[in-house]
């Protein structure tokens, strides 16, 4: 009996098992249509021979060119082949990968609403279906469609709730901290969770120097052995994103010559890349890097969420940068004010030599005292009063003494 479990993967596995038991098939595979509607991809199997397991997992069925699949999709009815080797409706490449005698394809949904299908295989037995067999297969397909759709809806709802919780947690962090690096590391963690990827990193841009600097990864273990902290705009795919200010998706980093640190990618089992520029009012603030083990397949909802997330990140970075600049300016002002305060109040000064007594009870020249407590530097001259009172008499005495000597 087919029962929806709330977990899509477990639900599909049960569909494969119960379909095999009900139909008496040697093997059953359950396939779901991909996002592009171009192929049916395997998601669960029952009694798949060990030597065919990798082939089963890696080989999708095309939705165009496989006449048996097309017929089932267009009619919404099961399609049976009692002699698959000679049946022209059976795709030759598919049969060569899974050589069998009889097969049954049961559509889940039909037409544009095709959700997927159930493939049942008899390796050697020639099976001629009865009317009851076809009715049973149709009922299995319809029941499987209903419970898989329900599991998908539950999964989508759970995913939305997860994303909402992540965004709420991020909002709390952004409102409680304006320290730039803390903000960026939290954004990287949130990006990895929102997009369900193993790795996300944030790179801060310096447009004047044309460089990007790594601030942090979503997972500290991934950051620990990442070898490069600064990249030029013309270096690697991250530099490409910074230069062109456009998102970039690369399904296989290991075969793309623009990537750096490929040993790191291999060590962590990562292959795919999706980079997004973070812009604010036309200025490049940062680059967000997402890394996965499989190529990214972002649907419209994912694209919209990522766009909104990056816009929020841009505002957060801008606010953190303004806060940092303000804090720096405030520190400079406070330092200057502290110097001014040191010069305020009653200064003990010698009535004769004009030295000032400092806090350690030592007497300093006024130049030394002020130089230690301010940004002032000194040059020396003679004021008019001192010229008349001191310098002129000294010059007269010198002239007289010179005259007497000569």
Protein backbone atom coordinates (compact mmCIF):
# COMPACT_ATOMS: atom_id res chain seq x y z
CA UNK A 1 0.00 0.00 0.00
CA UNK A 2 1.36 3.42 -0.98
CA UNK A 3 1.49 5.87 1.93
CA UNK A 4 2.85 9.45 1.80
CA UNK A 5 5.50 9.95 4.47
CA UNK A 6 6.13 13.71 4.26
CA UNK A 7 9.68 12.94 3.12
CA UNK A 8 9.94 13.02 -0.68
CA UNK A 9 12.91 10.65 -0.97
CA UNK A 10 11.33 8.03 1.30
CA UNK A 11 7.95 8.39 -0.44
CA UNK A 12 9.52 7.73 -3.86
CA UNK A 13 11.44 4.71 -2.53
CA UNK A 14 8.15 3.23 -1.25
CA UNK A 15 6.51 3.85 -4.62
CA UNK A 16 9.29 1.82 -6.32
CA UNK A 17 9.01 -1.03 -3.82
CA UNK A 18 5.21 -1.31 -3.81
CA UNK A 19 4.96 -1.01 -7.59
CA UNK A 20 7.44 -3.87 -8.03
CA UNK A 21 5.50 -6.06 -5.60
CA UNK A 22 2.09 -5.26 -7.10
CA UNK A 23 3.19 -5.81 -10.70
CA UNK A 24 5.52 -8.73 -10.01
CA UNK A 25 8.36 -6.94 -11.85
CA UNK A 26 12.02 -7.91 -11.62
CA UNK A 27 13.10 -4.27 -11.23
CA UNK A 28 11.34 -0.92 -10.88
CA UNK A 29 12.73 2.57 -11.29
CA UNK A 30 10.93 5.77 -10.41
CA UNK A 31 11.80 8.84 -12.47
CA UNK A 32 10.84 12.50 -12.07
CA UNK A 33 10.83 15.13 -14.81
CA UNK A 34 13.65 17.67 -14.59
CA UNK A 35 13.02 21.41 -14.31
CA UNK A 36 13.59 21.94 -18.04
CA UNK A 37 11.07 19.23 -18.97
CA UNK A 38 13.68 17.58 -21.20
CA UNK A 39 14.29 14.29 -19.40
CA UNK A 40 13.15 11.91 -16.70
CA UNK A 41 15.81 11.53 -14.03
CA UNK A 42 16.08 8.50 -11.71
CA UNK A 43 15.24 9.17 -8.07
CA UNK A 44 14.60 5.70 -6.64
CA UNK A 45 14.93 2.05 -7.64
CA UNK A 46 13.92 -1.38 -6.35
CA UNK A 47 15.91 -4.56 -7.04
CA UNK A 48 18.34 -2.75 -9.34
CA UNK A 49 21.18 -5.21 -10.10
CA UNK A 50 24.44 -4.15 -8.49
CA UNK A 51 26.33 -4.07 -11.80
CA UNK A 52 23.69 -1.72 -13.26
CA UNK A 53 23.35 0.59 -10.26
CA UNK A 54 25.71 3.34 -11.49
CA UNK A 55 24.19 3.20 -14.97
CA UNK A 56 20.71 3.47 -13.46
CA UNK A 57 21.66 6.48 -11.32
CA UNK A 58 23.49 8.33 -14.10
CA UNK A 59 21.27 7.68 -17.11
CA UNK A 60 18.09 9.79 -17.60
CA UNK A 61 15.35 8.89 -20.06
CA UNK A 62 14.79 11.52 -22.76
CA UNK A 63 11.26 12.91 -23.01
CA UNK A 64 11.69 13.43 -26.74
CA UNK A 65 12.66 10.58 -29.04
CA UNK A 66 11.56 7.78 -26.69
CA UNK A 67 8.28 6.85 -28.36
CA UNK A 68 6.99 4.73 -25.48
CA UNK A 69 7.48 7.62 -23.06
CA UNK A 70 5.92 10.10 -25.51
CA UNK A 71 2.88 7.85 -25.99
CA UNK A 72 2.36 7.47 -22.25
CA UNK A 73 2.81 11.23 -21.73
CA UNK A 74 0.34 12.15 -24.47
CA UNK A 75 -2.35 9.58 -23.57
CA UNK A 76 -1.88 9.44 -19.82
CA UNK A 77 -2.05 5.62 -20.10
CA UNK A 78 0.51 2.88 -19.27
CA UNK A 79 2.55 1.62 -22.23
CA UNK A 80 3.55 -2.04 -22.25
CA UNK A 81 6.15 -3.77 -24.40
CA UNK A 82 6.26 -7.56 -24.41
CA UNK A 83 9.39 -7.67 -26.57
CA UNK A 84 11.41 -4.53 -25.86
CA UNK A 85 14.35 -5.59 -28.03
CA UNK A 86 12.29 -5.42 -31.24
CA UNK A 87 9.67 -2.84 -30.22
CA UNK A 88 10.30 0.36 -32.26
CA UNK A 89 8.76 2.46 -29.48
CA UNK A 90 11.60 1.55 -27.10
CA UNK A 91 14.62 3.87 -27.24
CA UNK A 92 17.61 1.83 -28.49
CA UNK A 93 20.20 3.50 -26.25
CA UNK A 94 18.00 2.92 -23.22
CA UNK A 95 17.54 -0.75 -24.08
CA UNK A 96 21.29 -1.27 -24.63
CA UNK A 97 21.98 0.10 -21.19
CA UNK A 98 19.25 -2.10 -19.64
CA UNK A 99 18.76 -5.11 -21.95
CA UNK A 100 15.44 -6.73 -20.98
CA UNK A 101 12.57 -8.72 -22.46
CA UNK A 102 9.44 -6.94 -21.24
CA UNK A 103 8.81 -3.49 -19.83
CA UNK A 104 6.05 -1.21 -18.65
CA UNK A 105 6.09 2.57 -18.40
CA UNK A 106 3.42 4.09 -16.16
CA UNK A 107 3.11 7.87 -16.45
CA UNK A 108 2.60 10.00 -13.37
CA UNK A 109 0.53 12.85 -14.75
CA UNK A 110 0.24 13.59 -18.46
CA UNK A 111 1.04 16.18 -21.11
CA UNK A 112 2.62 19.38 -19.80
CA UNK A 113 1.76 18.25 -16.27
CA UNK A 114 3.88 15.10 -16.49
CA UNK A 115 5.42 14.64 -13.05
CA UNK A 116 7.45 11.53 -13.91
CA UNK A 117 7.01 7.85 -14.50
CA UNK A 118 7.46 4.33 -13.20
CA UNK A 119 9.52 1.86 -15.26
CA UNK A 120 8.91 -1.81 -14.54
CA UNK A 121 11.25 -4.38 -16.13
CA UNK A 122 11.17 -8.15 -16.63
CA UNK A 123 14.62 -9.30 -17.64
CA UNK A 124 13.81 -12.58 -19.38
CA UNK A 125 10.09 -13.28 -19.07
CA UNK A 126 7.80 -12.28 -21.93
CA UNK A 127 4.81 -10.66 -20.23
CA UNK A 128 1.50 -10.12 -22.00
CA UNK A 129 -0.58 -7.69 -19.93
CA UNK A 130 -4.20 -8.37 -19.12
CA UNK A 131 -6.88 -5.69 -18.78
CA UNK A 132 -6.56 -6.04 -15.01
CA UNK A 133 -2.78 -5.55 -15.24
CA UNK A 134 -3.23 -2.28 -17.13
CA UNK A 135 -5.94 -1.08 -14.73
CA UNK A 136 -3.68 -1.87 -11.77
CA UNK A 137 -0.76 -0.06 -13.38
CA UNK A 138 -2.93 3.00 -14.08
CA UNK A 139 -4.18 3.04 -10.49
CA UNK A 140 -0.60 2.76 -9.17
CA UNK A 141 0.47 5.67 -11.38
CA UNK A 142 -2.38 7.91 -10.24
CA UNK A 143 -1.91 7.04 -6.59
CA UNK A 144 1.85 7.58 -6.85
CA UNK A 145 1.27 10.95 -8.55
CA UNK A 146 -0.96 12.11 -5.70
CA UNK A 147 1.33 11.11 -2.85
CA UNK A 148 4.51 12.37 -4.58
CA UNK A 149 2.83 15.71 -5.30
CA UNK A 150 1.80 15.88 -1.64
CA UNK A 151 5.35 15.04 -0.50
CA UNK A 152 6.72 17.70 -2.86
CA UNK A 153 4.35 20.31 -1.45
CA UNK A 154 5.32 19.35 2.10
CA UNK A 155 9.00 19.56 1.15
CA UNK A 156 8.51 22.96 -0.51
CA UNK A 157 6.63 24.24 2.53
CA UNK A 158 9.36 22.98 4.86
CA UNK A 159 11.97 24.62 2.64
CA UNK A 160 10.14 27.95 2.74
CA UNK A 161 9.87 27.78 6.52
CA UNK A 162 13.59 26.96 6.74
CA UNK A 163 14.43 29.93 4.54
CA UNK A 164 12.18 32.21 6.56
CA UNK A 165 13.93 31.13 9.78
CA UNK A 166 17.33 31.76 8.16
CA UNK A 167 16.31 35.25 7.00
CA UNK A 168 14.85 36.04 10.42
CA UNK A 169 18.07 34.95 12.14
CA UNK A 170 20.13 36.99 9.67
CA UNK A 171 17.97 40.06 10.29
CA UNK A 172 18.57 39.71 14.04
CA UNK A 173 22.34 39.53 13.51
CA UNK A 174 22.36 42.51 11.15
CA UNK A 175 20.35 44.59 13.59
CA UNK A 176 22.56 43.68 16.55
CA UNK A 177 25.99 44.09 14.91
CA UNK A 178 27.49 46.58 12.49
CA UNK A 179 31.01 45.15 12.61
CA UNK A 180 31.74 44.54 8.93
CA UNK A 181 33.51 41.17 9.05
CA UNK A 182 30.95 39.74 11.48
CA UNK A 183 28.15 40.84 9.16
CA UNK A 184 29.80 39.35 6.07
CA UNK A 185 30.55 35.99 7.70
CA UNK A 186 26.94 35.71 8.86
CA UNK A 187 25.73 36.58 5.35
CA UNK A 188 27.94 33.79 3.93
CA UNK A 189 26.47 31.28 6.40
CA UNK A 190 22.93 32.40 5.57
CA UNK A 191 23.62 32.14 1.81
CA UNK A 192 24.78 28.52 2.16
CA UNK A 193 21.66 27.63 4.13
CA UNK A 194 19.24 29.48 1.85
CA UNK A 195 20.60 27.93 -1.35
CA UNK A 196 21.29 24.50 0.21
CA UNK A 197 24.95 24.42 -0.81
CA UNK A 198 27.94 23.10 1.15
CA UNK A 199 30.06 26.24 0.68
CA UNK A 200 29.52 29.98 0.38
CA UNK A 201 32.13 32.72 0.71
CA UNK A 202 32.16 36.50 0.71
CA UNK A 203 34.84 38.59 -0.99
CA UNK A 204 35.07 42.32 -0.25
CA UNK A 205 35.85 44.48 -3.29
CA UNK A 206 38.35 47.33 -3.48
CA UNK A 207 37.60 49.07 -6.78
CA UNK A 208 40.53 51.47 -6.44
CA UNK A 209 43.05 48.62 -6.11
CA UNK A 210 40.94 46.33 -8.36
CA UNK A 211 41.16 43.47 -5.90
CA UNK A 212 38.77 41.32 -3.88
CA UNK A 213 39.66 40.07 -0.40
CA UNK A 214 38.24 36.96 1.26
CA UNK A 215 36.31 37.82 4.41
CA UNK A 216 35.06 34.36 5.28
CA UNK A 217 33.43 31.04 4.33
CA UNK A 218 30.14 29.68 5.58
CA UNK A 219 32.09 26.76 7.09
CA UNK A 220 35.36 27.50 8.94
CA UNK A 221 36.66 24.02 8.02
CA UNK A 222 36.49 24.96 4.32
CA UNK A 223 38.22 28.27 4.99
CA UNK A 224 41.05 26.65 6.97
CA UNK A 225 42.86 25.26 3.91
CA UNK A 226 41.74 27.77 1.27
CA UNK A 227 45.12 29.08 0.03
CA UNK A 228 44.32 32.53 -1.46
CA UNK A 229 43.12 35.59 0.47
CA UNK A 230 43.31 38.28 -2.23
CA UNK A 231 42.50 38.04 -5.95
CA UNK A 232 42.89 40.60 -8.71
CA UNK A 233 39.90 41.56 -10.86
CA UNK A 234 41.54 39.74 -13.79
CA UNK A 235 42.23 36.57 -11.76
CA UNK A 236 39.97 33.51 -11.69
CA UNK A 237 36.19 33.35 -12.02
CA UNK A 238 35.68 35.53 -8.96
CA UNK A 239 37.76 38.21 -10.65
CA UNK A 240 35.61 37.75 -13.77
CA UNK A 241 32.43 38.37 -11.76
CA UNK A 242 34.01 41.46 -10.17
CA UNK A 243 35.15 42.81 -13.55
CA UNK A 244 31.95 42.16 -15.52
CA UNK A 245 29.52 42.68 -12.61
CA UNK A 246 27.36 39.83 -13.84
CA UNK A 247 26.39 36.48 -12.27
CA UNK A 248 28.30 33.47 -13.55
CA UNK A 249 27.41 29.78 -13.34
CA UNK A 250 30.01 27.10 -14.10
CA UNK A 251 28.73 23.48 -13.83
CA UNK A 252 32.20 21.90 -13.75
CA UNK A 253 35.02 23.95 -12.23
CA UNK A 254 37.56 21.17 -12.72
CA UNK A 255 37.31 21.41 -16.50
CA UNK A 256 37.30 25.22 -16.66
CA UNK A 257 40.72 26.84 -16.99
CA UNK A 258 39.73 30.02 -15.15
CA UNK A 259 39.62 28.43 -11.69
CA UNK A 260 42.36 28.63 -9.08
CA UNK A 261 43.19 26.28 -6.16
CA UNK A 262 41.78 23.17 -7.88
CA UNK A 263 43.37 20.92 -5.25
CA UNK A 264 41.09 22.56 -2.69
CA UNK A 265 38.03 21.87 -4.88
CA UNK A 266 39.00 18.21 -5.25
CA UNK A 267 39.79 17.78 -1.55
CA UNK A 268 36.29 18.94 -0.56
CA UNK A 269 34.39 17.16 -3.34
CA UNK A 270 33.17 20.40 -4.94
CA UNK A 271 32.66 20.98 -8.67
CA UNK A 272 30.05 23.64 -9.43
CA UNK A 273 30.25 27.42 -9.01
CA UNK A 274 27.73 30.24 -8.96
CA UNK A 275 29.07 33.75 -8.42
CA UNK A 276 27.02 36.91 -7.87
CA UNK A 277 28.23 40.53 -7.71
CA UNK A 278 26.96 42.57 -4.76
CA UNK A 279 26.20 46.09 -6.02
CA UNK A 280 24.95 49.22 -4.28
CA UNK A 281 23.94 52.23 -6.37
CA UNK A 282 26.27 51.11 -9.16
CA UNK A 283 29.28 50.50 -6.91
CA UNK A 284 30.75 46.99 -6.53
CA UNK A 285 30.84 46.13 -2.82
CA UNK A 286 31.58 42.40 -2.84
CA UNK A 287 31.29 39.07 -4.65
CA UNK A 288 29.27 36.16 -3.26
CA UNK A 289 30.56 32.71 -4.23
CA UNK A 290 28.43 29.54 -3.97
CA UNK A 291 30.06 26.11 -4.42
CA UNK A 292 28.34 22.76 -4.80
CA UNK A 293 28.99 19.12 -5.59
CA UNK A 294 26.39 19.15 -8.41
CA UNK A 295 25.52 21.78 -11.04
CA UNK A 296 23.17 24.47 -9.78
CA UNK A 297 19.57 24.29 -11.00
CA UNK A 298 18.03 27.53 -9.80
CA UNK A 299 14.31 27.86 -10.45
CA UNK A 300 12.48 31.20 -10.64
CA UNK A 301 11.81 31.14 -6.89
CA UNK A 302 15.50 30.48 -6.16
CA UNK A 303 16.60 33.28 -8.52
CA UNK A 304 14.18 35.73 -6.90
CA UNK A 305 15.28 34.74 -3.40
CA UNK A 306 18.97 35.04 -4.28
CA UNK A 307 18.40 38.46 -5.86
CA UNK A 308 16.55 39.73 -2.79
CA UNK A 309 19.19 38.26 -0.50
CA UNK A 310 22.05 39.92 -2.40
CA UNK A 311 20.20 43.27 -2.30
CA UNK A 312 19.82 42.91 1.48
CA UNK A 313 23.50 41.99 1.73
CA UNK A 314 24.45 45.14 -0.22
CA UNK A 315 22.57 47.37 2.22
CA UNK A 316 24.12 45.53 5.19
CA UNK A 317 27.66 45.94 3.78
CA UNK A 318 27.03 49.61 3.04
CA UNK A 319 25.75 50.22 6.57
CA UNK A 320 28.68 48.31 8.09
CA UNK A 321 31.16 50.31 6.00
CA UNK A 322 29.56 53.60 7.05
CA UNK A 323 29.65 52.48 10.67
CA UNK A 324 33.33 51.54 10.33
CA UNK A 325 34.17 54.93 8.76
CA UNK A 326 32.19 56.73 11.44
CA UNK A 327 33.92 54.74 14.18
CA UNK A 328 37.32 55.61 12.70
CA UNK A 329 36.44 59.30 12.48
CA UNK A 330 35.05 59.21 16.02
CA UNK A 331 38.28 57.62 17.27
CA UNK A 332 40.35 60.35 15.62
CA UNK A 333 38.13 63.05 17.09
CA UNK A 334 38.29 61.50 20.56
CA UNK A 335 42.07 61.33 20.37
CA UNK A 336 42.26 64.98 19.36
CA UNK A 337 39.86 65.90 22.16
CA UNK A 338 41.99 63.97 24.65
CA UNK A 339 45.04 65.99 23.55
CA UNK A 340 43.08 69.21 23.94
CA UNK A 341 41.92 68.22 27.40
CA UNK A 342 45.51 67.63 28.44
CA UNK A 343 46.22 71.29 27.64
CA UNK A 344 43.28 72.61 29.64
CA UNK A 345 43.30 73.63 33.30
CA UNK A 346 45.98 75.30 35.48
CA UNK A 347 49.54 74.82 34.15
CA UNK A 348 52.40 75.27 36.69
CA UNK A 349 54.98 77.43 34.84
CA UNK A 350 58.26 78.85 36.10
CA UNK A 351 58.10 82.64 36.44
CA UNK A 352 61.71 83.03 35.25
CA UNK A 353 62.57 80.34 32.65
CA UNK A 354 58.96 79.56 31.64
CA UNK A 355 59.38 75.76 31.96
CA UNK A 356 56.22 73.77 32.74
CA UNK A 357 55.94 71.17 35.44
CA UNK A 358 54.45 67.92 34.07
CA UNK A 359 52.41 65.22 35.81
CA UNK A 360 55.58 63.40 36.89
CA UNK A 361 56.81 66.55 38.68
CA UNK A 362 59.53 67.15 36.08
CA UNK A 363 60.12 70.57 34.50
CA UNK A 364 59.95 70.67 30.72
CA UNK A 365 60.40 73.39 28.15
CA UNK A 366 57.12 74.62 26.77
CA UNK A 367 58.05 73.17 23.37
CA UNK A 368 58.61 69.68 24.81
CA UNK A 369 55.46 69.85 26.94
CA UNK A 370 53.15 70.86 24.10
CA UNK A 371 54.86 68.57 21.59
CA UNK A 372 54.05 65.50 23.71
CA UNK A 373 50.41 66.51 24.17
CA UNK A 374 49.39 67.81 20.76
CA UNK A 375 50.13 67.62 17.05
CA UNK A 376 51.91 70.99 17.18
CA UNK A 377 55.48 71.51 15.93
CA UNK A 378 57.57 74.59 16.65
CA UNK A 379 59.70 77.10 14.78
CA UNK A 380 61.47 79.94 16.57
CA UNK A 381 61.51 83.69 15.91
CA UNK A 382 61.66 86.95 17.93
CA UNK A 383 58.60 89.01 18.75
CA UNK A 384 58.72 92.87 18.43
CA UNK A 385 58.64 93.43 22.21
CA UNK A 386 61.61 91.12 22.81
CA UNK A 387 63.49 92.69 19.88
CA UNK A 388 63.15 96.16 21.48
CA UNK A 389 63.68 95.05 25.05
CA UNK A 390 66.41 92.43 24.66
CA UNK A 391 67.87 92.18 21.19
CA UNK A 392 68.51 95.90 20.53
CA UNK A 393 70.36 96.51 23.82
CA UNK A 394 72.39 93.37 23.22
CA UNK A 395 73.35 94.60 19.75
CA UNK A 396 74.30 98.06 21.12
CA UNK A 397 76.51 96.51 23.78
CA UNK A 398 78.16 94.31 21.15
CA UNK A 399 78.85 97.28 18.84
CA UNK A 400 80.36 99.29 21.68
CA UNK A 401 82.55 96.43 22.73
CA UNK A 402 83.68 95.99 19.14
CA UNK A 403 84.49 99.71 18.85
CA UNK A 404 86.52 99.74 22.05
CA UNK A 405 88.53 96.78 20.88
CA UNK A 406 89.35 98.30 17.51
